[in-house]
Protein backbone atom coordinates (compact mmCIF):
# COMPACT_ATOMS: atom_id res chain seq x y z
CA MET A 1 -6.66 -1.13 -10.04
CA ILE A 2 -4.62 0.83 -8.29
CA VAL A 3 -3.91 -0.90 -4.79
CA LEU A 4 -1.87 1.71 -2.39
CA ASP A 5 1.27 0.84 0.09
CA ALA A 6 1.40 2.37 3.70
CA SER A 7 4.54 4.19 1.76
CA ALA A 8 1.90 5.83 -0.83
CA VAL A 9 -0.94 6.45 1.85
CA LEU A 10 1.84 8.32 4.27
CA ALA A 11 3.13 10.37 1.42
CA VAL A 12 -0.12 11.98 0.46
CA LEU A 13 -1.27 12.50 4.36
CA GLY A 14 2.93 13.95 4.99
CA GLY A 15 2.72 16.28 1.71
CA GLU A 16 6.13 14.53 0.70
CA ARG A 17 7.84 14.15 -2.34
CA GLY A 18 5.74 12.25 -4.53
CA ALA A 19 2.32 13.08 -3.01
CA SER A 20 1.05 14.23 -6.27
CA GLU A 21 1.75 11.82 -8.34
CA VAL A 22 0.19 9.19 -6.01
CA VAL A 23 -2.97 11.31 -5.87
CA GLU A 24 -3.09 11.51 -10.22
CA ARG A 25 -2.71 8.08 -10.03
CA SER A 26 -4.81 6.31 -7.27
CA ALA A 27 -8.11 7.66 -7.76
CA GLY A 28 -10.45 4.85 -7.08
CA GLY A 29 -7.64 2.51 -5.51
CA ILE A 30 -7.86 0.42 -2.59
CA VAL A 31 -6.02 -0.19 0.64
CA SER A 32 -5.26 -3.27 2.38
CA THR A 33 -6.78 -2.77 6.55
CA VAL A 34 -3.34 -4.41 7.08
CA ASN A 35 -2.04 -1.47 4.98
CA LEU A 36 -4.05 1.06 6.86
CA ALA A 37 -3.15 -0.35 10.36
CA GLU A 38 0.25 0.59 9.65
CA VAL A 39 -0.63 4.11 8.35
CA LEU A 40 -2.77 4.77 11.60
CA GLN A 41 0.13 3.45 13.90
CA LYS A 42 2.89 5.77 11.78
CA ALA A 43 0.34 8.65 11.83
CA ALA A 44 -0.31 8.25 15.39
CA HIS A 45 3.46 8.04 16.48
CA ASN A 46 3.57 11.59 14.31
CA GLY A 47 0.97 13.01 16.30
CA VAL A 48 -1.74 12.75 13.90
CA ALA A 49 -5.10 11.78 14.80
CA ALA A 50 -6.88 8.72 13.24
CA HIS A 51 -9.67 11.06 11.87
CA THR A 52 -7.34 12.71 10.08
CA VAL A 53 -6.14 9.45 7.99
CA ASN A 54 -10.32 8.66 7.75
CA THR A 55 -10.27 12.13 6.09
CA LEU A 56 -7.96 11.96 3.85
CA ILE A 57 -9.12 8.24 2.71
CA GLY A 58 -12.83 9.18 1.62
CA GLN A 59 -11.51 12.31 0.15
CA ALA A 60 -9.15 10.81 -2.11
CA GLU A 61 -12.34 8.29 -2.43
CA TRP A 62 -9.92 5.35 -1.55
CA GLY A 63 -11.66 1.76 -0.75
CA VAL A 64 -10.53 -0.19 2.60
CA VAL A 65 -10.31 -3.89 2.03
CA PRO A 66 -10.53 -6.33 4.50
CA PHE A 67 -7.49 -8.69 4.77
CA ASP A 68 -9.12 -12.40 4.43
CA ASP A 69 -7.71 -15.56 4.92
CA GLN A 70 -6.89 -16.01 0.98
CA MET A 71 -4.69 -12.88 1.42
CA ALA A 72 -3.12 -13.99 4.60
CA LEU A 73 -1.99 -17.15 2.70
CA ALA A 74 -0.83 -15.38 -0.07
CA ALA A 75 1.23 -12.93 1.83
CA ALA A 76 2.93 -16.02 3.56
CA ASP A 77 3.53 -17.61 0.12
CA LEU A 78 5.13 -13.88 -1.00
CA TRP A 79 7.70 -14.47 1.57
CA LEU A 80 9.51 -16.64 -0.47
CA LEU A 81 9.71 -14.59 -3.40
CA THR A 82 10.68 -11.39 -1.63
CA LYS A 83 12.62 -12.34 1.23
CA HIS A 84 15.85 -11.36 -0.54
CA LYS A 85 14.24 -7.65 -0.58
CA GLY A 86 13.27 -7.64 3.15
CA LEU A 87 9.47 -6.83 2.28
CA SER A 88 7.57 -6.36 5.43
CA LEU A 89 3.94 -7.95 6.17
CA GLY A 90 2.57 -4.94 5.05
CA ASP A 91 4.29 -4.92 2.24
CA ARG A 92 3.47 -8.38 0.99
CA SER A 93 -0.21 -7.50 2.28
CA CYS A 94 -0.27 -4.72 -0.13
CA LEU A 95 1.00 -7.21 -3.02
CA ALA A 96 -1.65 -9.77 -2.16
CA LEU A 97 -4.04 -7.51 -2.47
CA ALA A 98 -2.73 -6.54 -6.28
CA GLN A 99 -2.59 -10.18 -6.80
CA ALA A 100 -6.42 -10.67 -5.98
CA VAL A 101 -7.22 -7.98 -7.89
CA SER A 102 -5.00 -7.98 -10.69
CA GLY A 103 -3.83 -4.86 -10.03
CA VAL A 104 -1.24 -2.42 -9.93
CA ALA A 105 0.51 -2.06 -6.13
CA LEU A 106 1.81 1.57 -5.74
CA THR A 107 4.72 2.36 -3.44
CA LEU A 108 7.51 4.64 -2.74
CA ASP A 109 9.64 1.63 -1.32
CA THR A 110 12.43 1.87 -3.91
CA GLY A 111 13.40 -1.72 -2.54
CA TRP A 112 10.59 -3.54 -4.21
CA ALA A 113 12.41 -2.37 -7.99
CA GLY A 114 13.05 -5.78 -9.57
CA LEU A 115 10.37 -7.55 -8.28
CA GLU A 116 8.23 -9.66 -10.21
CA ILE A 117 4.41 -10.90 -8.56
CA GLU A 118 2.49 -12.96 -10.96
CA GLY A 119 -1.29 -11.64 -11.06
CA ALA A 120 0.07 -7.95 -10.20
CA SER A 121 2.27 -4.97 -11.40
CA ILE A 122 4.39 -2.68 -9.27
CA HIS A 123 4.82 1.05 -9.68
CA ILE A 124 7.59 2.74 -7.54
CA VAL A 125 6.62 6.48 -7.20
CA GLN A 126 9.92 8.74 -7.20
CA ARG A 127 10.72 10.96 -4.38
């Protein structure tokens, strides 16, 4: 299962380099509600309406997964493992969801390079 980080969704939304690989790899993927909130905030900052983001998610056939108490605990636990990389709560939320589904976290954030997360894999899309 592919779990999309906000950077991956934003790349597709903005037609950035790497967007085609994200689309190619992510059919049937999922996004955490925490990452969705991050995408919606950045989209609004750039003048993109929320319905445009929702349309993209529907067209890409990505599911949206509620961030629950178990993922919150996992994201907090990941802080110790990732603090040297400066991962945000959104980043750790993506990784926590990837752990929960034994999936692959898909990101464009090169700062994730070298991380090894038990129960999940990381794929960094090159821009």
